[in-house]
N, C-alpha and C. Protein backbone atom coordinates (compact mmCIF):
# COMPACT_ATOMS: atom_id res chain seq x y z
N UNK A 1 83.57 134.25 63.74
CA UNK A 1 84.82 133.33 63.72
C UNK A 1 85.96 134.24 63.55
N UNK A 2 85.85 135.34 62.79
CA UNK A 2 86.49 136.37 62.21
C UNK A 2 87.44 136.97 63.47
N UNK A 3 86.44 137.17 64.84
CA UNK A 3 87.27 137.53 66.17
C UNK A 3 88.61 136.70 66.61
N UNK A 4 87.88 135.35 66.57
CA UNK A 4 88.66 134.12 67.41
C UNK A 4 90.44 134.33 66.53
N UNK A 5 90.19 134.04 64.89
CA UNK A 5 90.60 134.21 64.23
C UNK A 5 92.15 135.54 64.30
N UNK A 6 91.23 136.55 64.65
CA UNK A 6 91.83 137.93 64.53
C UNK A 6 93.01 137.93 66.30
N UNK A 7 92.27 137.01 66.94
CA UNK A 7 93.11 136.86 68.05
C UNK A 7 93.99 136.06 68.08
N UNK A 8 93.83 134.97 67.51
CA UNK A 8 94.88 133.79 67.28
C UNK A 8 95.89 134.65 66.35
N UNK A 9 96.02 135.75 65.59
CA UNK A 9 96.47 135.69 64.79
C UNK A 9 97.61 137.05 65.86
N UNK A 10 96.84 137.91 66.08
CA UNK A 10 97.66 139.01 67.29
C UNK A 10 98.44 137.84 68.40
N UNK A 11 97.64 136.76 68.92
CA UNK A 11 98.65 136.29 70.23
C UNK A 11 99.45 135.20 69.22
N UNK A 12 99.83 134.99 68.05
CA UNK A 12 100.74 134.42 67.44
C UNK A 12 101.87 135.71 67.23
N UNK A 13 101.21 136.80 66.73
CA UNK A 13 102.22 137.76 66.02
C UNK A 13 103.23 138.47 67.86
N UNK A 14 102.53 138.27 68.61
CA UNK A 14 102.88 139.27 69.81
C UNK A 14 104.05 137.71 70.13
N UNK A 15 103.64 136.34 70.57
CA UNK A 15 104.39 135.58 70.54
C UNK A 15 106.01 135.71 69.68
N UNK A 16 105.62 135.11 68.25
CA UNK A 16 107.05 135.61 67.64
C UNK A 16 107.92 137.01 68.13
N UNK A 17 106.98 138.30 68.17
CA UNK A 17 107.97 138.98 68.71
C UNK A 17 108.18 139.22 69.88
N UNK A 18 107.97 139.05 70.71
CA UNK A 18 108.57 138.64 72.29
C UNK A 18 109.77 137.66 72.30
N UNK A 19 109.42 136.29 71.52
CA UNK A 19 110.35 135.55 70.85
C UNK A 19 111.42 136.05 70.20
N UNK A 20 111.33 137.24 69.70
CA UNK A 20 112.50 137.54 68.58
C UNK A 20 112.99 138.44 69.59
N UNK A 21 112.59 139.43 70.47
CA UNK A 21 113.09 140.24 71.22
C UNK A 21 114.07 139.70 72.16
N UNK A 22 113.22 138.79 73.06
CA UNK A 22 114.05 137.82 73.81
C UNK A 22 115.62 137.05 72.92
N UNK A 23 115.32 136.48 72.08
CA UNK A 23 116.31 135.99 71.33
C UNK A 23 117.33 136.71 71.12
N UNK A 24 117.12 138.25 70.74
CA UNK A 24 118.39 139.61 70.22
C UNK A 24 118.51 139.72 71.67
N UNK A 25 118.00 140.08 72.60
CA UNK A 25 118.59 140.42 73.85
C UNK A 25 119.39 139.02 74.64
N UNK A 26 118.86 138.14 74.48
CA UNK A 26 120.43 137.05 74.49
C UNK A 26 121.55 137.06 73.46
N UNK A 27 121.26 137.62 72.44
CA UNK A 27 122.42 137.76 71.41
C UNK A 27 123.24 138.76 72.33
N UNK A 28 122.85 139.73 72.83
CA UNK A 28 123.61 141.51 73.22
C UNK A 28 124.42 140.84 74.20
N UNK A 29 123.26 139.76 74.87
CA UNK A 29 124.42 139.54 76.69
C UNK A 29 125.64 138.41 76.30
N UNK A 30 125.29 137.56 75.34
CA UNK A 30 126.22 136.70 74.97
C UNK A 30 127.63 137.60 74.16
N UNK A 31 127.16 138.47 73.77
CA UNK A 31 128.33 138.81 72.74
C UNK A 31 128.46 140.75 73.43
N UNK A 32 128.14 140.69 74.48
CA UNK A 32 128.52 141.76 75.63
C UNK A 32 130.13 141.97 75.61
N UNK A 33 130.86 142.91 75.43
CA UNK A 33 132.13 143.02 75.74
C UNK A 33 132.55 143.38 77.01
N UNK A 34 133.34 141.77 77.77
CA UNK A 34 133.61 141.76 79.55
C UNK A 34 134.29 143.11 79.88
N UNK A 35 134.30 143.98 81.11
CA UNK A 35 134.99 145.19 80.96
C UNK A 35 136.05 145.34 80.80
N UNK A 36 136.81 144.31 81.72
CA UNK A 36 138.41 144.78 81.46
C UNK A 36 138.60 144.55 80.40
N UNK A 37 137.81 143.61 79.39
CA UNK A 37 138.56 143.70 77.81
C UNK A 37 138.02 144.88 77.07
N UNK A 38 137.00 145.51 76.89
CA UNK A 38 136.80 146.57 76.60
C UNK A 38 137.86 147.74 77.05
N UNK A 39 138.31 148.19 78.13
CA UNK A 39 139.49 148.45 78.81
C UNK A 39 140.44 148.09 78.04
N UNK A 40 140.56 147.02 77.65
CA UNK A 40 142.22 147.12 77.09
C UNK A 40 142.28 146.95 75.57
N UNK A 41 140.52 147.14 74.99
CA UNK A 41 140.70 146.76 73.68
C UNK A 41 139.21 147.35 72.94
N UNK A 42 139.68 149.08 72.80
CA UNK A 42 138.56 149.42 72.89
C UNK A 42 138.08 148.69 71.58
N UNK A 43 136.43 149.29 71.71
CA UNK A 43 135.67 148.62 70.25
C UNK A 43 135.86 147.01 70.33
N UNK A 44 136.30 146.19 71.43
CA UNK A 44 136.48 145.11 70.88
C UNK A 44 135.32 144.22 70.73
N UNK A 45 135.78 143.28 70.03
CA UNK A 45 134.25 142.47 69.36
C UNK A 45 134.65 141.23 69.39
N UNK A 46 133.49 139.98 69.27
CA UNK A 46 133.46 138.29 69.61
C UNK A 46 134.27 138.50 67.99
N UNK A 47 135.37 137.47 67.99
CA UNK A 47 135.53 137.04 66.85
C UNK A 47 135.39 135.37 66.24
N UNK A 48 135.50 134.68 67.63
CA UNK A 48 135.24 133.20 67.73
C UNK A 48 135.36 132.77 69.10
N UNK A 49 134.44 131.67 68.95
CA UNK A 49 134.51 130.75 70.14
C UNK A 49 134.40 129.08 69.92
N UNK A 50 134.83 128.61 70.84
CA UNK A 50 135.24 127.26 70.59
C UNK A 50 135.31 126.53 72.19
N UNK A 51 135.16 125.61 72.32
CA UNK A 51 135.59 124.05 73.58
C UNK A 51 136.76 123.34 72.40
N UNK A 52 137.36 122.92 74.10
CA UNK A 52 138.97 122.14 73.95
C UNK A 52 138.25 121.31 75.12
N UNK A 53 138.67 120.12 74.70
CA UNK A 53 138.31 118.40 75.03
C UNK A 53 139.46 117.84 75.20
N UNK A 54 139.58 117.17 76.07
CA UNK A 54 141.04 116.65 76.64
C UNK A 54 140.05 115.00 76.71
N UNK A 55 140.81 113.84 75.68
CA UNK A 55 139.95 112.52 75.83
C UNK A 55 138.57 112.55 76.23
N UNK A 56 138.04 113.34 75.26
CA UNK A 56 136.39 113.49 76.02
C UNK A 56 135.77 114.42 76.91
N UNK A 57 137.11 114.70 78.03
CA UNK A 57 136.62 115.68 78.98
C UNK A 57 136.31 117.22 78.98
N UNK A 58 135.59 118.02 78.70
CA UNK A 58 135.06 119.50 78.74
C UNK A 58 136.09 120.43 79.02
N UNK A 59 136.96 120.47 79.34
CA UNK A 59 138.21 121.40 79.54
C UNK A 59 138.24 122.92 79.74
N UNK A 60 137.74 123.80 79.17
CA UNK A 60 137.22 124.94 79.15
C UNK A 60 136.76 125.40 77.49
N UNK A 61 135.86 126.30 77.41
CA UNK A 61 135.31 127.41 76.85
C UNK A 61 136.75 128.61 76.24
N UNK A 62 136.93 128.57 75.07
CA UNK A 62 138.12 129.96 74.54
C UNK A 62 137.08 130.75 73.75
N UNK A 63 137.03 132.28 73.84
CA UNK A 63 136.71 133.49 73.28
C UNK A 63 137.55 133.94 72.43
N UNK A 64 137.93 134.25 71.36
CA UNK A 64 138.83 135.42 70.76
C UNK A 64 138.41 136.53 70.96
N UNK A 65 138.92 137.88 71.43
CA UNK A 65 138.07 139.17 70.91
C UNK A 65 139.13 139.94 70.50
N UNK A 66 138.73 140.55 69.65
CA UNK A 66 139.37 141.79 68.55
C UNK A 66 139.03 143.17 68.24
N UNK A 67 139.61 143.63 67.65
CA UNK A 67 139.70 144.96 67.46
C UNK A 67 138.77 145.38 66.37
N UNK A 68 137.96 146.44 66.36
CA UNK A 68 136.61 145.22 64.75
C UNK A 68 137.48 144.89 63.90
N UNK A 69 138.64 144.97 63.23
CA UNK A 69 138.60 144.48 61.78
C UNK A 69 139.28 143.07 62.14
N UNK A 70 139.06 142.82 63.45
CA UNK A 70 139.20 141.38 63.27
C UNK A 70 141.07 141.22 63.41
N UNK A 71 141.40 139.87 64.48
CA UNK A 71 142.70 138.93 64.25
C UNK A 71 142.60 138.36 63.18
N UNK A 72 144.01 138.65 62.40
CA UNK A 72 144.32 138.53 61.09
C UNK A 72 145.97 137.80 61.67
N UNK A 73 145.59 136.20 61.67
CA UNK A 73 146.63 135.36 61.74
C UNK A 73 147.76 135.60 60.48
N UNK A 74 147.92 136.00 59.47
CA UNK A 74 148.78 136.18 58.35
C UNK A 74 149.46 137.62 58.38
N UNK A 75 149.31 138.09 58.97
CA UNK A 75 149.21 139.97 58.77
C UNK A 75 150.83 140.44 60.27
N UNK A 76 151.48 141.19 59.07
CA UNK A 76 152.79 141.51 59.44
C UNK A 76 152.99 142.72 60.60
N UNK A 77 151.30 143.21 60.57
CA UNK A 77 150.81 144.30 62.05
C UNK A 77 150.84 143.37 63.29
N UNK A 78 151.84 143.91 64.22
CA UNK A 78 151.22 143.24 65.66
C UNK A 78 149.75 143.55 65.91
N UNK A 79 149.45 142.76 66.40
CA UNK A 79 147.83 143.18 66.69
C UNK A 79 147.47 142.90 68.23
N UNK A 80 146.82 143.94 68.56
CA UNK A 80 146.43 143.50 70.17
C UNK A 80 144.72 142.76 70.26
N UNK A 81 145.00 141.68 71.58
CA UNK A 81 143.40 140.83 71.04
C UNK A 81 143.58 140.32 72.72
N UNK A 82 142.29 139.45 72.95
CA UNK A 82 141.97 139.02 74.03
C UNK A 82 141.85 137.32 73.83
N UNK A 83 142.29 136.46 74.52
CA UNK A 83 141.52 135.32 74.64
C UNK A 83 141.40 135.24 76.14
N UNK A 84 140.11 134.89 75.90
CA UNK A 84 139.56 134.02 77.12
C UNK A 84 139.26 132.88 77.26
N UNK A 85 139.29 132.76 78.15
CA UNK A 85 139.14 130.57 78.81
C UNK A 85 138.43 130.27 79.59
N UNK A 86 136.83 130.20 79.57
CA UNK A 86 136.14 130.03 80.57
C UNK A 86 136.38 128.57 81.04
N UNK A 87 136.45 128.19 81.99
CA UNK A 87 137.01 127.12 82.54
C UNK A 87 135.98 125.72 83.12
N UNK A 88 135.25 124.69 82.94
CA UNK A 88 134.58 123.45 82.97
C UNK A 88 135.13 123.24 83.87
N UNK A 89 136.40 122.92 85.14
CA UNK A 89 136.37 122.19 85.73
C UNK A 89 137.62 122.84 86.46
N UNK A 90 137.74 121.67 87.74
CA UNK A 90 139.07 122.31 88.25
C UNK A 90 140.17 121.93 87.74
N UNK A 91 141.34 123.05 87.69
CA UNK A 91 142.41 122.64 87.78
C UNK A 91 143.57 123.56 88.46
N UNK A 92 144.70 122.76 88.79
CA UNK A 92 145.91 123.82 89.31
C UNK A 92 146.26 124.50 88.32
N UNK A 93 146.94 125.65 88.98
CA UNK A 93 147.35 126.98 87.96
C UNK A 93 148.67 126.21 87.15
N UNK A 94 149.45 125.43 88.74
CA UNK A 94 150.81 124.84 87.97
C UNK A 94 150.53 124.12 86.89
N UNK A 95 149.38 123.26 86.87
CA UNK A 95 149.31 122.34 85.52
C UNK A 95 148.77 123.40 84.39
N UNK A 96 148.48 124.34 84.75
CA UNK A 96 147.72 124.80 83.23
C UNK A 96 149.28 125.46 82.84
N UNK A 97 150.41 125.44 83.67
CA UNK A 97 151.56 125.78 83.11
C UNK A 97 152.03 125.31 82.50
N UNK A 98 152.50 124.02 82.96
CA UNK A 98 152.70 122.76 82.64
C UNK A 98 152.29 123.05 81.03
N UNK A 99 151.12 122.49 81.20
CA UNK A 99 150.66 122.09 80.01
C UNK A 99 150.83 123.09 78.61
N UNK A 100 151.03 124.85 79.17
CA UNK A 100 151.22 125.54 78.07
C UNK A 100 152.65 125.40 77.78
N UNK A 101 153.67 125.11 78.60
CA UNK A 101 154.88 124.68 78.23
C UNK A 101 154.62 123.78 77.17
N UNK A 102 154.64 122.64 77.31
CA UNK A 102 154.34 121.67 76.56
C UNK A 102 153.83 122.15 75.06
N UNK A 103 152.91 122.69 74.58
CA UNK A 103 152.27 123.13 73.97
C UNK A 103 152.95 124.11 73.01
N UNK A 104 153.75 124.71 73.62
CA UNK A 104 154.91 125.67 73.21
C UNK A 104 156.08 124.89 73.11
N UNK A 105 156.39 124.12 73.30
CA UNK A 105 157.64 123.11 73.11
C UNK A 105 157.19 121.88 72.02
N UNK A 106 155.87 122.05 71.47
CA UNK A 106 155.70 121.29 70.56
C UNK A 106 155.64 121.96 69.53
N UNK A 107 155.38 123.35 68.96
CA UNK A 107 155.35 124.29 68.72
C UNK A 107 156.85 124.76 68.29
N UNK A 108 158.33 124.21 69.11
CA UNK A 108 159.29 124.53 68.51
C UNK A 108 159.41 126.11 68.73
N UNK A 109 159.44 126.45 69.88
CA UNK A 109 159.15 128.07 70.11
C UNK A 109 159.55 127.97 71.26
N UNK A 110 160.90 129.40 71.32
CA UNK A 110 161.64 129.53 72.45
C UNK A 110 163.09 128.22 72.68
N UNK A 111 163.88 129.16 73.33
CA UNK A 111 165.07 127.84 73.77
C UNK A 111 164.39 127.30 75.09
N UNK A 112 165.23 125.98 75.29
CA UNK A 112 164.90 125.05 76.51
C UNK A 112 165.03 126.42 77.80
N UNK A 113 166.12 127.22 77.36
CA UNK A 113 166.62 128.08 78.58
C UNK A 113 165.33 128.65 79.10
N UNK A 114 164.78 129.60 78.13
CA UNK A 114 163.60 130.61 77.55
C UNK A 114 162.40 130.29 78.15
N UNK A 115 162.19 128.32 77.64
CA UNK A 115 161.27 128.05 78.19
C UNK A 115 161.07 127.15 80.08
N UNK A 116 161.87 127.31 79.91
CA UNK A 116 162.19 127.16 82.22
C UNK A 116 161.78 128.21 82.21
N UNK A 117 162.21 129.31 82.12
CA UNK A 117 162.53 130.68 82.51
C UNK A 117 160.72 131.11 82.57
N UNK A 118 160.13 130.84 81.11
CA UNK A 118 158.81 130.82 81.04
C UNK A 118 157.62 130.33 81.91
N UNK A 119 157.80 128.62 82.28
CA UNK A 119 157.64 128.17 83.36
C UNK A 119 157.41 128.85 84.37
N UNK A 120 158.06 128.99 85.25
CA UNK A 120 158.78 129.40 86.43
C UNK A 120 157.31 130.78 86.51
N UNK A 121 157.80 131.69 85.68
CA UNK A 121 157.02 132.64 85.44
C UNK A 121 155.22 132.36 85.46
N UNK A 122 155.37 131.91 84.39
CA UNK A 122 153.75 131.26 84.14
C UNK A 122 152.97 130.63 86.02
N UNK A 123 153.95 129.53 86.51
CA UNK A 123 153.94 129.28 87.87
C UNK A 123 153.75 129.52 88.83
N UNK A 124 154.51 131.17 88.60
CA UNK A 124 154.04 132.51 89.87
C UNK A 124 152.86 133.12 89.58
N UNK A 125 152.26 132.82 88.05
CA UNK A 125 151.15 134.15 87.89
C UNK A 125 149.84 133.34 88.04
N UNK A 126 149.86 131.68 87.38
CA UNK A 126 148.88 131.31 87.46
C UNK A 126 148.21 130.92 88.46
N UNK A 127 146.94 131.13 88.72
CA UNK A 127 145.85 130.77 90.14
C UNK A 127 145.45 128.95 89.53
N UNK A 128 145.05 128.35 90.58
CA UNK A 128 144.19 126.91 90.74
C UNK A 128 143.05 128.27 90.21
N UNK A 129 141.83 127.18 89.02
CA UNK A 129 140.48 127.63 89.13
C UNK A 129 139.52 126.51 89.59
N UNK A 130 138.75 127.06 89.32
CA UNK A 130 137.42 125.95 89.33
C UNK A 130 136.51 126.55 88.19
N UNK A 131 135.31 125.49 88.37
CA UNK A 131 134.40 125.68 87.47
C UNK A 131 133.99 126.87 87.45
N UNK A 132 133.84 127.18 86.14
CA UNK A 132 133.17 128.72 86.34
C UNK A 132 133.95 130.36 85.83
N UNK A 133 135.28 129.39 86.37
CA UNK A 133 136.29 130.76 86.37
C UNK A 133 136.68 131.23 85.15
N UNK A 134 137.08 132.66 85.12
CA UNK A 134 137.59 132.60 83.46
C UNK A 134 139.06 133.41 83.83
N UNK A 135 140.09 132.68 83.13
CA UNK A 135 141.72 133.44 82.60
C UNK A 135 141.47 134.29 81.60
N UNK A 136 141.73 135.29 81.47
CA UNK A 136 141.77 135.99 80.08
C UNK A 136 143.11 136.54 79.89
N UNK A 137 143.91 136.11 78.92
CA UNK A 137 145.53 137.04 78.50
C UNK A 137 145.00 137.97 77.45
N UNK A 138 145.91 138.88 77.38
CA UNK A 138 145.49 139.91 76.75
C UNK A 138 146.94 140.07 75.75
N UNK A 139 147.14 140.08 74.71
CA UNK A 139 148.38 139.90 73.95
C UNK A 139 148.89 141.15 73.72
N UNK A 140 149.75 142.07 73.87
CA UNK A 140 150.40 142.99 73.90
C UNK A 140 151.16 143.29 72.75
N UNK A 141 150.90 143.70 71.95
CA UNK A 141 152.47 143.50 70.44
C UNK A 141 153.91 143.88 70.88
N UNK A 142 154.45 142.83 70.68
CA UNK A 142 156.07 143.75 70.91
C UNK A 142 156.00 143.83 72.64
N UNK A 143 155.80 143.82 73.13
CA UNK A 143 155.93 144.04 74.78
C UNK A 143 155.89 143.12 75.76
N UNK A 144 154.55 142.34 75.91
CA UNK A 144 154.18 141.64 76.67
C UNK A 144 152.82 140.59 77.16
N UNK A 145 152.65 140.02 78.04
CA UNK A 145 150.69 138.96 77.59
C UNK A 145 150.95 139.39 78.99
N UNK A 146 149.26 139.91 79.38
CA UNK A 146 148.94 140.96 80.71
C UNK A 146 147.71 138.85 81.17
N UNK A 147 147.48 139.31 81.78
CA UNK A 147 146.30 138.10 82.34
C UNK A 147 145.50 138.54 83.70
N UNK A 148 144.24 138.37 83.55
CA UNK A 148 143.28 138.60 84.06
C UNK A 148 142.81 137.14 84.99
N UNK A 149 142.22 137.43 86.28
CA UNK A 149 141.34 136.14 87.04
C UNK A 149 139.88 136.53 87.23
N UNK A 150 139.13 136.01 86.38
CA UNK A 150 137.29 137.07 86.40
C UNK A 150 137.62 138.50 86.50
N UNK A 151 138.62 138.82 85.82
CA UNK A 151 138.09 140.49 85.04
C UNK A 151 139.16 141.41 86.11
N UNK A 152 140.18 140.97 87.04
CA UNK A 152 141.21 141.24 88.03
C UNK A 152 142.42 141.06 88.01
N UNK A 153 143.20 141.93 87.24
CA UNK A 153 144.23 141.91 86.85
C UNK A 153 145.32 140.78 87.54
N UNK A 154 145.85 140.02 87.26
CA UNK A 154 146.78 138.64 87.95
C UNK A 154 148.22 139.55 87.76
N UNK A 155 148.69 139.99 86.58
CA UNK A 155 149.90 140.47 85.88
C UNK A 155 150.55 140.41 84.95
N UNK A 156 151.43 140.17 84.63
CA UNK A 156 151.97 140.33 83.48
C UNK A 156 153.18 139.82 82.82
N UNK A 157 153.73 139.39 81.99
CA UNK A 157 154.73 139.06 81.62
C UNK A 157 155.51 139.20 80.50
N UNK A 158 156.71 140.22 80.82
CA UNK A 158 156.92 141.68 79.97
C UNK A 158 157.80 140.95 79.11
N UNK A 159 157.39 140.05 78.42
CA UNK A 159 158.50 139.45 77.32
C UNK A 159 157.88 139.14 75.62
N UNK A 160 158.10 140.05 74.98
CA UNK A 160 157.48 139.75 73.50
C UNK A 160 157.57 138.38 73.20
N UNK A 161 158.65 137.72 72.99
CA UNK A 161 158.50 136.15 72.36
C UNK A 161 157.54 135.50 73.18
N UNK A 162 157.58 135.49 74.93
CA UNK A 162 156.77 134.76 75.89
C UNK A 162 155.54 134.89 75.05
N UNK A 163 155.08 136.41 74.52
CA UNK A 163 153.36 136.44 74.58
C UNK A 163 153.28 135.93 73.31
N UNK A 164 154.00 135.59 72.35
CA UNK A 164 154.17 135.16 71.09
C UNK A 164 153.42 134.26 71.02
N UNK A 165 154.60 133.45 71.89
CA UNK A 165 154.55 131.54 72.08
C UNK A 165 153.44 131.36 72.65
N UNK A 166 153.38 132.29 73.64
CA UNK A 166 151.83 131.71 74.62
C UNK A 166 150.31 131.55 73.85
N UNK A 167 150.00 132.75 73.06
CA UNK A 167 148.91 132.57 72.12
C UNK A 167 149.08 131.68 70.59
N UNK A 168 150.45 131.39 70.63
CA UNK A 168 150.65 130.39 69.54
C UNK A 168 149.74 129.30 69.83
N UNK A 169 150.16 128.74 71.07
CA UNK A 169 149.28 127.76 71.59
C UNK A 169 148.00 127.46 70.52
N UNK A 170 147.11 128.60 70.59
CA UNK A 170 145.59 128.64 70.25
C UNK A 170 145.63 128.55 69.02
N UNK A 171 146.43 129.99 68.67
CA UNK A 171 146.76 130.54 66.98
C UNK A 171 147.52 130.50 66.18
N UNK A 172 148.12 129.55 66.50
CA UNK A 172 149.35 128.80 65.48
C UNK A 172 148.74 128.00 64.39
N UNK A 173 149.16 128.14 63.03
CA UNK A 173 148.63 127.46 62.10
C UNK A 173 148.89 125.58 62.69
N UNK A 174 150.40 125.09 63.41
CA UNK A 174 150.52 124.27 63.90
C UNK A 174 149.81 123.96 65.18
N UNK A 175 148.94 124.59 65.71
CA UNK A 175 148.09 124.02 66.92
C UNK A 175 148.09 122.83 66.78
N UNK A 176 148.20 122.20 68.27
CA UNK A 176 147.89 121.32 68.33
C UNK A 176 146.01 120.99 68.25
N UNK A 177 145.36 121.68 68.34
CA UNK A 177 143.57 122.52 68.56
C UNK A 177 143.29 122.88 67.21
N UNK A 178 143.66 121.90 66.14
CA UNK A 178 143.39 122.78 65.08
C UNK A 178 141.50 123.04 64.66
N UNK A 179 140.58 122.24 65.21
CA UNK A 179 139.17 122.91 65.17
C UNK A 179 139.21 124.09 65.93
N UNK A 180 139.27 124.20 67.29
CA UNK A 180 139.48 125.37 68.04
C UNK A 180 139.96 126.37 67.30
N UNK A 181 141.36 126.66 66.86
CA UNK A 181 141.63 127.54 65.91
C UNK A 181 140.73 128.03 65.21
N UNK A 182 140.16 127.31 64.20
CA UNK A 182 139.28 127.58 63.02
C UNK A 182 138.24 128.35 63.65
N UNK A 183 137.62 127.74 65.01
CA UNK A 183 135.90 128.29 65.43
C UNK A 183 136.83 129.67 66.33
N UNK A 184 137.86 129.91 66.59
CA UNK A 184 138.39 131.00 67.47
C UNK A 184 138.43 132.26 66.18
N UNK A 185 138.86 131.69 65.13
CA UNK A 185 139.26 132.88 64.23
C UNK A 185 138.14 133.49 63.33
N UNK A 186 136.92 132.59 63.57
CA UNK A 186 135.60 133.17 62.93
C UNK A 186 135.90 133.83 61.71
N UNK A 187 134.98 134.11 60.96
CA UNK A 187 134.77 134.55 59.67
C UNK A 187 135.63 135.94 59.48
N UNK A 188 136.07 136.51 60.40
CA UNK A 188 136.95 137.99 60.66
C UNK A 188 138.63 137.28 59.78
N UNK A 189 138.73 136.50 60.10
CA UNK A 189 140.17 136.22 59.40
C UNK A 189 139.93 134.87 58.38
N UNK A 190 138.83 135.15 57.64
CA UNK A 190 139.19 134.26 55.99
C UNK A 190 140.22 134.45 55.60
N UNK A 191 140.58 132.85 55.02
CA UNK A 191 141.81 132.74 54.75
C UNK A 191 143.51 132.82 55.41
N UNK A 192 143.02 132.78 56.55
CA UNK A 192 144.02 132.62 57.44
C UNK A 192 144.42 131.57 58.30
């Protein structure tokens, strides 16, 4: 009877150890920094993630990557960060650009003329996407917004005002996606 109990105890211990190792390995994979993000932001870490739904339809999952100290929305210091959108459905690039300008307009950022110019630039740059594809935006402080499709460089819009306005869609206090903003900012931006 003692032998049976010991075998059970050993098997249970092994099962717990294997489960813990698997869970830890899954966490490492989930939090591993994509190569194009680590090249842009050395020592980047995942700050937060969340999903965006429109009338109940899952549109994309978003991830905010920042320097180790984290993105601080109330900081006066310009910060480099990455916002990755993993699409859950097929969307036309022109529709992504249209939706982006609508959100920028709701935030009252840029003039009418600037928004028209930004829209034309985004329509030229943003590709059509299918489920599982990623578009990553890199905020380059006081310079530009750089974009990647599945880790490959698409191009950039070299306009600091555009870069601020574009990322404000998700990170501004007045965003229409408040719950997503809260998830993206995570615990590193407490009080922001």
